[in-house]
Full PDB file with SEQRES, HELIX, SHEET, SSBOND, CRYST1, ORIGX, SCALE, CONECT and MASTER records, all heavy atoms in Angstrom:
SEQRES   1 A   43  GLY ILE GLY LEU ALA ALA ALA LEU GLU TYR VAL MET ALA          
SEQRES   2 A   43  LEU ASP PHE ARG ALA VAL GLU ALA HIS GLU ALA ASP LEU          
SEQRES   3 A   43  LEU GLU TYR GLY THR ALA ARG LEU LEU GLU ILE SER GLY          
SEQRES   4 A   43  LEU ARG ILE ILE                                              
HELIX    1 AA1 ILE A    2  MET A   12  1                                  11    
HELIX    2 AA2 PHE A   16  LEU A   35  1                                  20    
CRYST1    1.000    1.000    1.000  90.00  90.00  90.00 P 1           1          
ORIGX1      1.000000  0.000000  0.000000        0.00000                         
ORIGX2      0.000000  1.000000  0.000000        0.00000                         
ORIGX3      0.000000  0.000000  1.000000        0.00000                         
SCALE1      1.000000  0.000000  0.000000        0.00000                         
SCALE2      0.000000  1.000000  0.000000        0.00000                         
SCALE3      0.000000  0.000000  1.000000        0.00000                         
ATOM      1  N   GLY A   1       0.816  -1.212   0.000  1.00  0.00           N  
ATOM      2  CA  GLY A   1       0.000   0.000   0.000  1.00  0.00           C  
ATOM      3  C   GLY A   1       0.844   1.253   0.000  1.00  0.00           C  
ATOM      4  O   GLY A   1       0.566   2.217  -0.730  1.00  0.00           O  
ATOM      5  N   ILE A   2       1.901   1.246   0.810  1.00  0.00           N  
ATOM      6  CA  ILE A   2       2.798   2.405   0.869  1.00  0.00           C  
ATOM      7  C   ILE A   2       3.539   2.575  -0.451  1.00  0.00           C  
ATOM      8  O   ILE A   2       3.712   3.695  -0.952  1.00  0.00           O  
ATOM      9  CB  ILE A   2       3.759   2.238   2.057  1.00  0.00           C  
ATOM     10  CG1 ILE A   2       2.970   2.353   3.383  1.00  0.00           C  
ATOM     11  CG2 ILE A   2       4.883   3.261   2.016  1.00  0.00           C  
ATOM     12  CD1 ILE A   2       3.762   1.967   4.613  1.00  0.00           C  
ATOM     13  N   GLY A   3       3.944   1.445  -1.062  1.00  0.00           N  
ATOM     14  CA  GLY A   3       4.594   1.515  -2.371  1.00  0.00           C  
ATOM     15  C   GLY A   3       3.654   1.996  -3.453  1.00  0.00           C  
ATOM     16  O   GLY A   3       4.056   2.750  -4.351  1.00  0.00           O  
ATOM     17  N   LEU A   4       2.398   1.576  -3.392  1.00  0.00           N  
ATOM     18  CA  LEU A   4       1.404   2.053  -4.356  1.00  0.00           C  
ATOM     19  C   LEU A   4       1.240   3.556  -4.251  1.00  0.00           C  
ATOM     20  O   LEU A   4       1.161   4.258  -5.272  1.00  0.00           O  
ATOM     21  CB  LEU A   4       0.066   1.354  -4.125  1.00  0.00           C  
ATOM     22  CG  LEU A   4      -1.107   1.860  -4.959  1.00  0.00           C  
ATOM     23  CD1 LEU A   4      -0.836   1.711  -6.451  1.00  0.00           C  
ATOM     24  CD2 LEU A   4      -2.401   1.137  -4.567  1.00  0.00           C  
ATOM     25  N   ALA A   5       1.179   4.068  -3.043  1.00  0.00           N  
ATOM     26  CA  ALA A   5       1.046   5.515  -2.864  1.00  0.00           C  
ATOM     27  C   ALA A   5       2.221   6.247  -3.498  1.00  0.00           C  
ATOM     28  O   ALA A   5       2.046   7.286  -4.152  1.00  0.00           O  
ATOM     29  CB  ALA A   5       0.950   5.857  -1.385  1.00  0.00           C  
ATOM     30  N   ALA A   6       3.436   5.707  -3.338  1.00  0.00           N  
ATOM     31  CA  ALA A   6       4.611   6.333  -3.949  1.00  0.00           C  
ATOM     32  C   ALA A   6       4.489   6.341  -5.464  1.00  0.00           C  
ATOM     33  O   ALA A   6       4.849   7.325  -6.131  1.00  0.00           O  
ATOM     34  CB  ALA A   6       5.881   5.605  -3.515  1.00  0.00           C  
ATOM     35  N   ALA A   7       3.965   5.248  -6.026  1.00  0.00           N  
ATOM     36  CA  ALA A   7       3.783   5.182  -7.482  1.00  0.00           C  
ATOM     37  C   ALA A   7       2.748   6.195  -7.953  1.00  0.00           C  
ATOM     38  O   ALA A   7       2.951   6.893  -8.961  1.00  0.00           O  
ATOM     39  CB  ALA A   7       3.366   3.770  -7.881  1.00  0.00           C  
ATOM     40  N   LEU A   8       1.640   6.289  -7.243  1.00  0.00           N  
ATOM     41  CA  LEU A   8       0.588   7.219  -7.661  1.00  0.00           C  
ATOM     42  C   LEU A   8       1.035   8.671  -7.500  1.00  0.00           C  
ATOM     43  O   LEU A   8       0.682   9.532  -8.324  1.00  0.00           O  
ATOM     44  CB  LEU A   8      -0.689   6.958  -6.865  1.00  0.00           C  
ATOM     45  CG  LEU A   8      -1.296   5.558  -7.026  1.00  0.00           C  
ATOM     46  CD1 LEU A   8      -2.622   5.459  -6.275  1.00  0.00           C  
ATOM     47  CD2 LEU A   8      -1.483   5.191  -8.487  1.00  0.00           C  
ATOM     48  N   GLU A   9       1.798   8.951  -6.460  1.00  0.00           N  
ATOM     49  CA  GLU A   9       2.342  10.307  -6.312  1.00  0.00           C  
ATOM     50  C   GLU A   9       3.304  10.625  -7.452  1.00  0.00           C  
ATOM     51  O   GLU A   9       3.334  11.760  -7.943  1.00  0.00           O  
ATOM     52  CB  GLU A   9       3.034  10.439  -4.960  1.00  0.00           C  
ATOM     53  CG  GLU A   9       2.051  10.522  -3.798  1.00  0.00           C  
ATOM     54  CD  GLU A   9       2.738  10.521  -2.444  1.00  0.00           C  
ATOM     55  OE1 GLU A   9       3.839   9.929  -2.335  1.00  0.00           O  
ATOM     56  OE2 GLU A   9       2.177  11.108  -1.494  1.00  0.00           O  
ATOM     57  N   TYR A  10       4.080   9.638  -7.875  1.00  0.00           N  
ATOM     58  CA  TYR A  10       4.963   9.819  -9.032  1.00  0.00           C  
ATOM     59  C   TYR A  10       4.145  10.177 -10.271  1.00  0.00           C  
ATOM     60  O   TYR A  10       4.476  11.121 -10.999  1.00  0.00           O  
ATOM     61  CB  TYR A  10       5.761   8.531  -9.273  1.00  0.00           C  
ATOM     62  CG  TYR A  10       6.663   8.572 -10.479  1.00  0.00           C  
ATOM     63  CD1 TYR A  10       7.960   9.067 -10.386  1.00  0.00           C  
ATOM     64  CD2 TYR A  10       6.220   8.111 -11.715  1.00  0.00           C  
ATOM     65  CE1 TYR A  10       8.792   9.114 -11.499  1.00  0.00           C  
ATOM     66  CE2 TYR A  10       7.042   8.152 -12.829  1.00  0.00           C  
ATOM     67  CZ  TYR A  10       8.329   8.658 -12.712  1.00  0.00           C  
ATOM     68  OH  TYR A  10       9.141   8.706 -13.826  1.00  0.00           O  
ATOM     69  N   VAL A  11       3.065   9.434 -10.504  1.00  0.00           N  
ATOM     70  CA  VAL A  11       2.224   9.680 -11.676  1.00  0.00           C  
ATOM     71  C   VAL A  11       1.545  11.041 -11.587  1.00  0.00           C  
ATOM     72  O   VAL A  11       1.494  11.793 -12.565  1.00  0.00           O  
ATOM     73  CB  VAL A  11       1.177   8.558 -11.825  1.00  0.00           C  
ATOM     74  CG1 VAL A  11       0.151   8.906 -12.895  1.00  0.00           C  
ATOM     75  CG2 VAL A  11       1.859   7.233 -12.161  1.00  0.00           C  
ATOM     76  N   MET A  12       1.021  11.390 -10.393  1.00  0.00           N  
ATOM     77  CA  MET A  12       0.297  12.651 -10.255  1.00  0.00           C  
ATOM     78  C   MET A  12       1.206  13.864 -10.404  1.00  0.00           C  
ATOM     79  O   MET A  12       0.734  14.961 -10.719  1.00  0.00           O  
ATOM     80  CB  MET A  12      -0.438  12.688  -8.912  1.00  0.00           C  
ATOM     81  CG  MET A  12      -1.646  11.764  -8.868  1.00  0.00           C  
ATOM     82  SD  MET A  12      -2.688  11.980  -7.377  1.00  0.00           S  
ATOM     83  CE  MET A  12      -1.672  11.193  -6.135  1.00  0.00           C  
ATOM     84  N   ALA A  13       2.504  13.680 -10.202  1.00  0.00           N  
ATOM     85  CA  ALA A  13       3.445  14.789 -10.357  1.00  0.00           C  
ATOM     86  C   ALA A  13       3.800  15.055 -11.820  1.00  0.00           C  
ATOM     87  O   ALA A  13       4.410  16.084 -12.134  1.00  0.00           O  
ATOM     88  CB  ALA A  13       4.722  14.508  -9.564  1.00  0.00           C  
ATOM     89  N   LEU A  14       3.416  14.144 -12.716  1.00  0.00           N  
ATOM     90  CA  LEU A  14       3.742  14.294 -14.130  1.00  0.00           C  
ATOM     91  C   LEU A  14       2.790  15.269 -14.814  1.00  0.00           C  
ATOM     92  O   LEU A  14       1.645  15.448 -14.392  1.00  0.00           O  
ATOM     93  CB  LEU A  14       3.645  12.937 -14.832  1.00  0.00           C  
ATOM     94  CG  LEU A  14       4.611  11.845 -14.383  1.00  0.00           C  
ATOM     95  CD1 LEU A  14       4.197  10.510 -15.005  1.00  0.00           C  
ATOM     96  CD2 LEU A  14       6.045  12.194 -14.762  1.00  0.00           C  
ATOM     97  N   ASP A  15       3.264  15.866 -15.884  1.00  0.00           N  
ATOM     98  CA  ASP A  15       2.390  16.618 -16.788  1.00  0.00           C  
ATOM     99  C   ASP A  15       1.683  15.588 -17.656  1.00  0.00           C  
ATOM    100  O   ASP A  15       2.228  15.120 -18.653  1.00  0.00           O  
ATOM    101  CB  ASP A  15       3.224  17.574 -17.644  1.00  0.00           C  
ATOM    102  CG  ASP A  15       2.380  18.351 -18.641  1.00  0.00           C  
ATOM    103  OD1 ASP A  15       1.186  18.026 -18.814  1.00  0.00           O  
ATOM    104  OD2 ASP A  15       2.929  19.270 -19.281  1.00  0.00           O  
ATOM    105  N   PHE A  16       0.462  15.215 -17.252  1.00  0.00           N  
ATOM    106  CA  PHE A  16      -0.152  14.070 -17.904  1.00  0.00           C  
ATOM    107  C   PHE A  16      -0.613  14.381 -19.325  1.00  0.00           C  
ATOM    108  O   PHE A  16      -0.718  13.472 -20.155  1.00  0.00           O  
ATOM    109  CB  PHE A  16      -1.301  13.506 -17.060  1.00  0.00           C  
ATOM    110  CG  PHE A  16      -1.253  12.004 -16.997  1.00  0.00           C  
ATOM    111  CD1 PHE A  16      -0.274  11.373 -16.245  1.00  0.00           C  
ATOM    112  CD2 PHE A  16      -2.148  11.222 -17.703  1.00  0.00           C  
ATOM    113  CE1 PHE A  16      -0.199   9.987 -16.189  1.00  0.00           C  
ATOM    114  CE2 PHE A  16      -2.092   9.841 -17.651  1.00  0.00           C  
ATOM    115  CZ  PHE A  16      -1.112   9.224 -16.900  1.00  0.00           C  
ATOM    116  N   ARG A  17      -0.882  15.633 -19.622  1.00  0.00           N  
ATOM    117  CA  ARG A  17      -1.187  15.969 -21.019  1.00  0.00           C  
ATOM    118  C   ARG A  17       0.013  15.661 -21.897  1.00  0.00           C  
ATOM    119  O   ARG A  17      -0.117  15.136 -23.007  1.00  0.00           O  
ATOM    120  CB  ARG A  17      -1.580  17.437 -21.144  1.00  0.00           C  
ATOM    121  CG  ARG A  17      -2.951  17.785 -20.592  1.00  0.00           C  
ATOM    122  CD  ARG A  17      -3.232  19.280 -20.723  1.00  0.00           C  
ATOM    123  NE  ARG A  17      -4.522  19.624 -20.175  1.00  0.00           N  
ATOM    124  CZ  ARG A  17      -5.649  19.716 -20.875  1.00  0.00           C  
ATOM    125  NH1 ARG A  17      -5.614  19.429 -22.173  1.00  0.00           N  
ATOM    126  NH2 ARG A  17      -6.781  20.050 -20.314  1.00  0.00           N  
ATOM    127  N   ALA A  18       1.199  15.982 -21.396  1.00  0.00           N  
ATOM    128  CA  ALA A  18       2.425  15.692 -22.148  1.00  0.00           C  
ATOM    129  C   ALA A  18       2.654  14.192 -22.250  1.00  0.00           C  
ATOM    130  O   ALA A  18       3.091  13.688 -23.287  1.00  0.00           O  
ATOM    131  CB  ALA A  18       3.618  16.374 -21.490  1.00  0.00           C  
ATOM    132  N   VAL A  19       2.362  13.448 -21.174  1.00  0.00           N  
ATOM    133  CA  VAL A  19       2.492  11.988 -21.208  1.00  0.00           C  
ATOM    134  C   VAL A  19       1.556  11.404 -22.266  1.00  0.00           C  
ATOM    135  O   VAL A  19       1.952  10.536 -23.069  1.00  0.00           O  
ATOM    136  CB  VAL A  19       2.194  11.377 -19.829  1.00  0.00           C  
ATOM    137  CG1 VAL A  19       2.120   9.858 -19.911  1.00  0.00           C  
ATOM    138  CG2 VAL A  19       3.252  11.794 -18.815  1.00  0.00           C  
ATOM    139  N   GLU A  20       0.309  11.852 -22.269  1.00  0.00           N  
ATOM    140  CA  GLU A  20      -0.651  11.341 -23.247  1.00  0.00           C  
ATOM    141  C   GLU A  20      -0.213  11.660 -24.674  1.00  0.00           C  
ATOM    142  O   GLU A  20      -0.351  10.817 -25.574  1.00  0.00           O  
ATOM    143  CB  GLU A  20      -2.033  11.920 -22.970  1.00  0.00           C  
ATOM    144  CG  GLU A  20      -2.680  11.351 -21.702  1.00  0.00           C  
ATOM    145  CD  GLU A  20      -4.014  11.991 -21.394  1.00  0.00           C  
ATOM    146  OE1 GLU A  20      -4.293  13.082 -21.946  1.00  0.00           O  
ATOM    147  OE2 GLU A  20      -4.775  11.406 -20.612  1.00  0.00           O  
ATOM    148  N   ALA A  21       0.327  12.849 -24.887  1.00  0.00           N  
ATOM    149  CA  ALA A  21       0.817  13.204 -26.219  1.00  0.00           C  
ATOM    150  C   ALA A  21       1.994  12.314 -26.612  1.00  0.00           C  
ATOM    151  O   ALA A  21       2.103  11.868 -27.766  1.00  0.00           O  
ATOM    152  CB  ALA A  21       1.224  14.672 -26.251  1.00  0.00           C  
ATOM    153  N   HIS A  22       2.870  12.058 -25.663  1.00  0.00           N  
ATOM    154  CA  HIS A  22       4.026  11.192 -25.920  1.00  0.00           C  
ATOM    155  C   HIS A  22       3.567   9.780 -26.289  1.00  0.00           C  
ATOM    156  O   HIS A  22       4.051   9.197 -27.275  1.00  0.00           O  
ATOM    157  CB  HIS A  22       4.912  11.164 -24.672  1.00  0.00           C  
ATOM    158  CG  HIS A  22       6.006  10.150 -24.717  1.00  0.00           C  
ATOM    159  ND1 HIS A  22       7.089  10.249 -25.568  1.00  0.00           N  
ATOM    160  CD2 HIS A  22       6.199   9.001 -24.003  1.00  0.00           C  
ATOM    161  CE1 HIS A  22       7.897   9.221 -25.391  1.00  0.00           C  
ATOM    162  NE2 HIS A  22       7.374   8.450 -24.444  1.00  0.00           N  
ATOM    163  N   GLU A  23       2.635   9.233 -25.531  1.00  0.00           N  
ATOM    164  CA  GLU A  23       2.179   7.878 -25.803  1.00  0.00           C  
ATOM    165  C   GLU A  23       1.389   7.810 -27.108  1.00  0.00           C  
ATOM    166  O   GLU A  23       1.472   6.808 -27.838  1.00  0.00           O  
ATOM    167  CB  GLU A  23       1.349   7.361 -24.635  1.00  0.00           C  
ATOM    168  CG  GLU A  23       2.182   7.117 -23.376  1.00  0.00           C  
ATOM    169  CD  GLU A  23       1.430   6.372 -22.292  1.00  0.00           C  
ATOM    170  OE1 GLU A  23       0.240   6.050 -22.498  1.00  0.00           O  
ATOM    171  OE2 GLU A  23       2.031   6.091 -21.241  1.00  0.00           O  
ATOM    172  N   ALA A  24       0.625   8.848 -27.409  1.00  0.00           N  
ATOM    173  CA  ALA A  24      -0.090   8.877 -28.679  1.00  0.00           C  
ATOM    174  C   ALA A  24       0.886   8.895 -29.849  1.00  0.00           C  
ATOM    175  O   ALA A  24       0.669   8.229 -30.877  1.00  0.00           O  
ATOM    176  CB  ALA A  24      -1.008  10.097 -28.743  1.00  0.00           C  
ATOM    177  N   ASP A  25       1.967   9.639 -29.702  1.00  0.00           N  
ATOM    178  CA  ASP A  25       2.994   9.654 -30.736  1.00  0.00           C  
ATOM    179  C   ASP A  25       3.612   8.275 -30.909  1.00  0.00           C  
ATOM    180  O   ASP A  25       3.811   7.795 -32.036  1.00  0.00           O  
ATOM    181  CB  ASP A  25       4.077  10.671 -30.376  1.00  0.00           C  
ATOM    182  CG  ASP A  25       5.286  10.588 -31.301  1.00  0.00           C  
ATOM    183  OD1 ASP A  25       5.124  10.882 -32.505  1.00  0.00           O  
ATOM    184  OD2 ASP A  25       6.375  10.196 -30.832  1.00  0.00           O  
ATOM    185  N   LEU A  26       3.930   7.617 -29.794  1.00  0.00           N  
ATOM    186  CA  LEU A  26       4.509   6.278 -29.876  1.00  0.00           C  
ATOM    187  C   LEU A  26       3.557   5.307 -30.559  1.00  0.00           C  
ATOM    188  O   LEU A  26       3.982   4.467 -31.368  1.00  0.00           O  
ATOM    189  CB  LEU A  26       4.842   5.763 -28.479  1.00  0.00           C  
ATOM    190  CG  LEU A  26       5.995   6.420 -27.734  1.00  0.00           C  
ATOM    191  CD1 LEU A  26       6.139   5.796 -26.343  1.00  0.00           C  
ATOM    192  CD2 LEU A  26       7.304   6.291 -28.498  1.00  0.00           C  
ATOM    193  N   LEU A  27       2.267   5.410 -30.246  1.00  0.00           N  
ATOM    194  CA  LEU A  27       1.290   4.507 -30.838  1.00  0.00           C  
ATOM    195  C   LEU A  27       1.181   4.729 -32.349  1.00  0.00           C  
ATOM    196  O   LEU A  27       1.165   3.771 -33.131  1.00  0.00           O  
ATOM    197  CB  LEU A  27      -0.072   4.709 -30.171  1.00  0.00           C  
ATOM    198  CG  LEU A  27      -1.189   3.769 -30.616  1.00  0.00           C  
ATOM    199  CD1 LEU A  27      -0.827   2.313 -30.353  1.00  0.00           C  
ATOM    200  CD2 LEU A  27      -2.492   4.127 -29.908  1.00  0.00           C  
ATOM    201  N   GLU A  28       1.138   5.976 -32.776  1.00  0.00           N  
ATOM    202  CA  GLU A  28       1.069   6.263 -34.210  1.00  0.00           C  
ATOM    203  C   GLU A  28       2.343   5.826 -34.924  1.00  0.00           C  
ATOM    204  O   GLU A  28       2.299   5.207 -35.993  1.00  0.00           O  
ATOM    205  CB  GLU A  28       0.804   7.752 -34.435  1.00  0.00           C  
ATOM    206  CG  GLU A  28      -0.606   8.174 -34.085  1.00  0.00           C  
ATOM    207  CD  GLU A  28      -0.947   9.546 -34.640  1.00  0.00           C  
ATOM    208  OE1 GLU A  28      -0.172  10.057 -35.493  1.00  0.00           O  
ATOM    209  OE2 GLU A  28      -1.968  10.101 -34.234  1.00  0.00           O  
ATOM    210  N   TYR A  29       3.476   6.151 -34.312  1.00  0.00           N  
ATOM    211  CA  TYR A  29       4.756   5.779 -34.913  1.00  0.00           C  
ATOM    212  C   TYR A  29       4.897   4.256 -34.974  1.00  0.00           C  
ATOM    213  O   TYR A  29       5.306   3.696 -36.007  1.00  0.00           O  
ATOM    214  CB  TYR A  29       5.887   6.381 -34.091  1.00  0.00           C  
ATOM    215  CG  TYR A  29       7.274   6.106 -34.639  1.00  0.00           C  
ATOM    216  CD1 TYR A  29       7.753   6.777 -35.763  1.00  0.00           C  
ATOM    217  CD2 TYR A  29       8.104   5.169 -34.020  1.00  0.00           C  
ATOM    218  CE1 TYR A  29       9.029   6.529 -36.263  1.00  0.00           C  
ATOM    219  CE2 TYR A  29       9.378   4.912 -34.511  1.00  0.00           C  
ATOM    220  CZ  TYR A  29       9.832   5.586 -35.630  1.00  0.00           C  
ATOM    221  OH  TYR A  29      11.097   5.331 -36.116  1.00  0.00           O  
ATOM    222  N   GLY A  30       4.543   3.583 -33.890  1.00  0.00           N  
ATOM    223  CA  GLY A  30       4.640   2.136 -33.867  1.00  0.00           C  
ATOM    224  C   GLY A  30       3.707   1.474 -34.860  1.00  0.00           C  
ATOM    225  O   GLY A  30       4.071   0.488 -35.519  1.00  0.00           O  
ATOM    226  N   THR A  31       2.488   1.998 -34.971  1.00  0.00           N  
ATOM    227  CA  THR A  31       1.540   1.462 -35.952  1.00  0.00           C  
ATOM    228  C   THR A  31       2.105   1.574 -37.359  1.00  0.00           C  
ATOM    229  O   THR A  31       2.086   0.613 -38.142  1.00  0.00           O  
ATOM    230  CB  THR A  31       0.201   2.201 -35.854  1.00  0.00           C  
ATOM    231  OG1 THR A  31      -0.339   2.053 -34.534  1.00  0.00           O  
ATOM    232  CG2 THR A  31      -0.799   1.668 -36.860  1.00  0.00           C  
ATOM    233  N   ALA A  32       2.647   2.743 -37.685  1.00  0.00           N  
ATOM    234  CA  ALA A  32       3.201   2.962 -39.024  1.00  0.00           C  
ATOM    235  C   ALA A  32       4.395   2.045 -39.281  1.00  0.00           C  
ATOM    236  O   ALA A  32       4.513   1.454 -40.360  1.00  0.00           O  
ATOM    237  CB  ALA A  32       3.605   4.425 -39.179  1.00  0.00           C  
ATOM    238  N   ARG A  33       5.283   1.911 -38.306  1.00  0.00           N  
ATOM    239  CA  ARG A  33       6.473   1.083 -38.496  1.00  0.00           C  
ATOM    240  C   ARG A  33       6.113  -0.391 -38.655  1.00  0.00           C  
ATOM    241  O   ARG A  33       6.670  -1.096 -39.507  1.00  0.00           O  
ATOM    242  CB  ARG A  33       7.445   1.241 -37.324  1.00  0.00           C  
ATOM    243  CG  ARG A  33       8.177   2.571 -37.222  1.00  0.00           C  
ATOM    244  CD  ARG A  33       9.012   2.918 -38.462  1.00  0.00           C  
ATOM    245  NE  ARG A  33       9.760   1.813 -39.031  1.00  0.00           N  
ATOM    246  CZ  ARG A  33      10.986   1.419 -38.655  1.00  0.00           C  
ATOM    247  NH1 ARG A  33      11.601   2.062 -37.665  1.00  0.00           N  
ATOM    248  NH2 ARG A  33      11.605   0.411 -39.263  1.00  0.00           N  
ATOM    249  N   LEU A  34       5.179  -0.868 -37.850  1.00  0.00           N  
ATOM    250  CA  LEU A  34       4.791  -2.277 -37.950  1.00  0.00           C  
ATOM    251  C   LEU A  34       4.130  -2.578 -39.282  1.00  0.00           C  
ATOM    252  O   LEU A  34       4.337  -3.648 -39.871  1.00  0.00           O  
ATOM    253  CB  LEU A  34       3.864  -2.660 -36.804  1.00  0.00           C  
ATOM    254  CG  LEU A  34       4.499  -2.776 -35.420  1.00  0.00           C  
ATOM    255  CD1 LEU A  34       3.456  -3.189 -34.389  1.00  0.00           C  
ATOM    256  CD2 LEU A  34       5.660  -3.754 -35.400  1.00  0.00           C  
ATOM    257  N   LEU A  35       3.343  -1.637 -39.790  1.00  0.00           N  
ATOM    258  CA  LEU A  35       2.654  -1.864 -41.062  1.00  0.00           C  
ATOM    259  C   LEU A  35       3.609  -1.868 -42.255  1.00  0.00           C  
ATOM    260  O   LEU A  35       3.219  -2.256 -43.364  1.00  0.00           O  
ATOM    261  CB  LEU A  35       1.558  -0.819 -41.261  1.00  0.00           C  
ATOM    262  CG  LEU A  35       0.358  -0.956 -40.305  1.00  0.00           C  
ATOM    263  CD1 LEU A  35      -0.633   0.172 -40.528  1.00  0.00           C  
ATOM    264  CD2 LEU A  35      -0.332  -2.312 -40.468  1.00  0.00           C  
ATOM    265  N   GLU A  36       4.854  -1.472 -42.038  1.00  0.00           N  
ATOM    266  CA  GLU A  36       5.868  -1.580 -43.089  1.00  0.00           C  
ATOM    267  C   GLU A  36       6.337  -3.020 -43.286  1.00  0.00           C  
ATOM    268  O   GLU A  36       6.957  -3.345 -44.310  1.00  0.00           O  
ATOM    269  CB  GLU A  36       7.091  -0.720 -42.734  1.00  0.00           C  
ATOM    270  CG  GLU A  36       6.824   0.778 -42.695  1.00  0.00           C  
ATOM    271  CD  GLU A  36       8.007   1.557 -42.120  1.00  0.00           C  
ATOM    272  OE1 GLU A  36       9.037   0.911 -41.803  1.00  0.00           O  
ATOM    273  OE2 GLU A  36       7.900   2.784 -41.980  1.00  0.00           O  
ATOM    274  N   ILE A  37       6.051  -3.888 -42.318  1.00  0.00           N  
ATOM    275  CA  ILE A  37       6.556  -5.261 -42.340  1.00  0.00           C  
ATOM    276  C   ILE A  37       5.613  -6.150 -43.145  1.00  0.00           C  
ATOM    277  O   ILE A  37       4.412  -6.246 -42.844  1.00  0.00           O  
ATOM    278  CB  ILE A  37       6.711  -5.794 -40.902  1.00  0.00           C  
ATOM    279  CG1 ILE A  37       7.704  -4.928 -40.119  1.00  0.00           C  
ATOM    280  CG2 ILE A  37       7.152  -7.256 -40.912  1.00  0.00           C  
ATOM    281  CD1 ILE A  37       7.771  -5.249 -38.644  1.00  0.00           C  
ATOM    282  N   SER A  38       6.136  -6.809 -44.136  1.00  0.00           N  
ATOM    283  CA  SER A  38       5.329  -7.670 -44.996  1.00  0.00           C  
ATOM    284  C   SER A  38       4.724  -8.812 -44.198  1.00  0.00           C  
ATOM    285  O   SER A  38       5.401  -9.472 -43.393  1.00  0.00           O  
ATOM    286  CB  SER A  38       6.210  -8.234 -46.113  1.00  0.00           C  
ATOM    287  OG  SER A  38       5.500  -9.165 -46.891  1.00  0.00           O  
ATOM    288  N   GLY A  39       3.435  -9.039 -44.387  1.00  0.00           N  
ATOM    289  CA  GLY A  39       2.751 -10.146 -43.739  1.00  0.00           C  
ATOM    290  C   GLY A  39       2.309  -9.872 -42.320  1.00  0.00           C  
ATOM    291  O   GLY A  39       1.770 -10.772 -41.663  1.00  0.00           O  
ATOM    292  N   LEU A  40       2.510  -8.656 -41.822  1.00  0.00           N  
ATOM    293  CA  LEU A  40       2.104  -8.325 -40.455  1.00  0.00           C  
ATOM    294  C   LEU A  40       0.710  -7.710 -40.456  1.00  0.00           C  
ATOM    295  O   LEU A  40       0.411  -6.831 -41.261  1.00  0.00           O  
ATOM    296  CB  LEU A  40       3.105  -7.372 -39.808  1.00  0.00           C  
ATOM    297  CG  LEU A  40       2.873  -7.084 -38.310  1.00  0.00           C  
ATOM    298  CD1 LEU A  40       4.213  -6.938 -37.595  1.00  0.00           C  
ATOM    299  CD2 LEU A  40       2.037  -5.830 -38.083  1.00  0.00           C  
ATOM    300  N   ARG A  41      -0.111  -8.158 -39.531  1.00  0.00           N  
ATOM    301  CA  ARG A  41      -1.472  -7.641 -39.373  1.00  0.00           C  
ATOM    302  C   ARG A  41      -1.678  -7.211 -37.940  1.00  0.00           C  
ATOM    303  O   ARG A  41      -1.410  -7.986 -37.011  1.00  0.00           O  
ATOM    304  CB  ARG A  41      -2.485  -8.719 -39.751  1.00  0.00           C  
ATOM    305  CG  ARG A  41      -3.946  -8.327 -39.513  1.00  0.00           C  
ATOM    306  CD  ARG A  41      -4.847  -9.529 -39.707  1.00  0.00           C  
ATOM    307  NE  ARG A  41      -6.204  -9.277 -39.247  1.00  0.00           N  
ATOM    308  CZ  ARG A  41      -7.081 -10.236 -38.942  1.00  0.00           C  
ATOM    309  NH1 ARG A  41      -6.738 -11.521 -39.062  1.00  0.00           N  
ATOM    310  NH2 ARG A  41      -8.298  -9.937 -38.525  1.00  0.00           N  
ATOM    311  N   ILE A  42      -2.119  -5.975 -37.743  1.00  0.00           N  
ATOM    312  CA  ILE A  42      -2.431  -5.484 -36.407  1.00  0.00           C  
ATOM    313  C   ILE A  42      -3.848  -5.901 -36.038  1.00  0.00           C  
ATOM    314  O   ILE A  42      -4.791  -5.725 -36.824  1.00  0.00           O  
ATOM    315  CB  ILE A  42      -2.266  -3.954 -36.338  1.00  0.00           C  
ATOM    316  CG1 ILE A  42      -0.790  -3.574 -36.495  1.00  0.00           C  
ATOM    317  CG2 ILE A  42      -2.820  -3.400 -35.024  1.00  0.00           C  
ATOM    318  CD1 ILE A  42      -0.526  -2.087 -36.515  1.00  0.00           C  
ATOM    319  N   ILE A  43      -3.987  -6.463 -34.834  1.00  0.00           N  
ATOM    320  CA  ILE A  43      -5.297  -6.894 -34.325  1.00  0.00           C  
ATOM    321  C   ILE A  43      -5.767  -5.850 -33.321  1.00  0.00           C  
ATOM    322  O   ILE A  43      -5.176  -5.680 -32.261  1.00  0.00           O  
ATOM    323  CB  ILE A  43      -5.204  -8.274 -33.653  1.00  0.00           C  
ATOM    324  CG1 ILE A  43      -4.583  -9.304 -34.605  1.00  0.00           C  
ATOM    325  CG2 ILE A  43      -6.575  -8.721 -33.172  1.00  0.00           C  
ATOM    326  CD1 ILE A  43      -5.362  -9.523 -35.884  1.00  0.00           C  
TER     327      ILE A  43                                                      
MASTER        0    0    0    2    0    0    0    6  326    1    0    4          
END                                                                             
């Protein structure tokens, strides 16, 4: 429980709009890169 609180405090201290933008970029970039691979299908 004490460790969970430390994790949540870590997350709450982040600029979460920036985190979401970062992860959205990774998802778009990863989707594009994977679709370059012949025979690969995203589910």
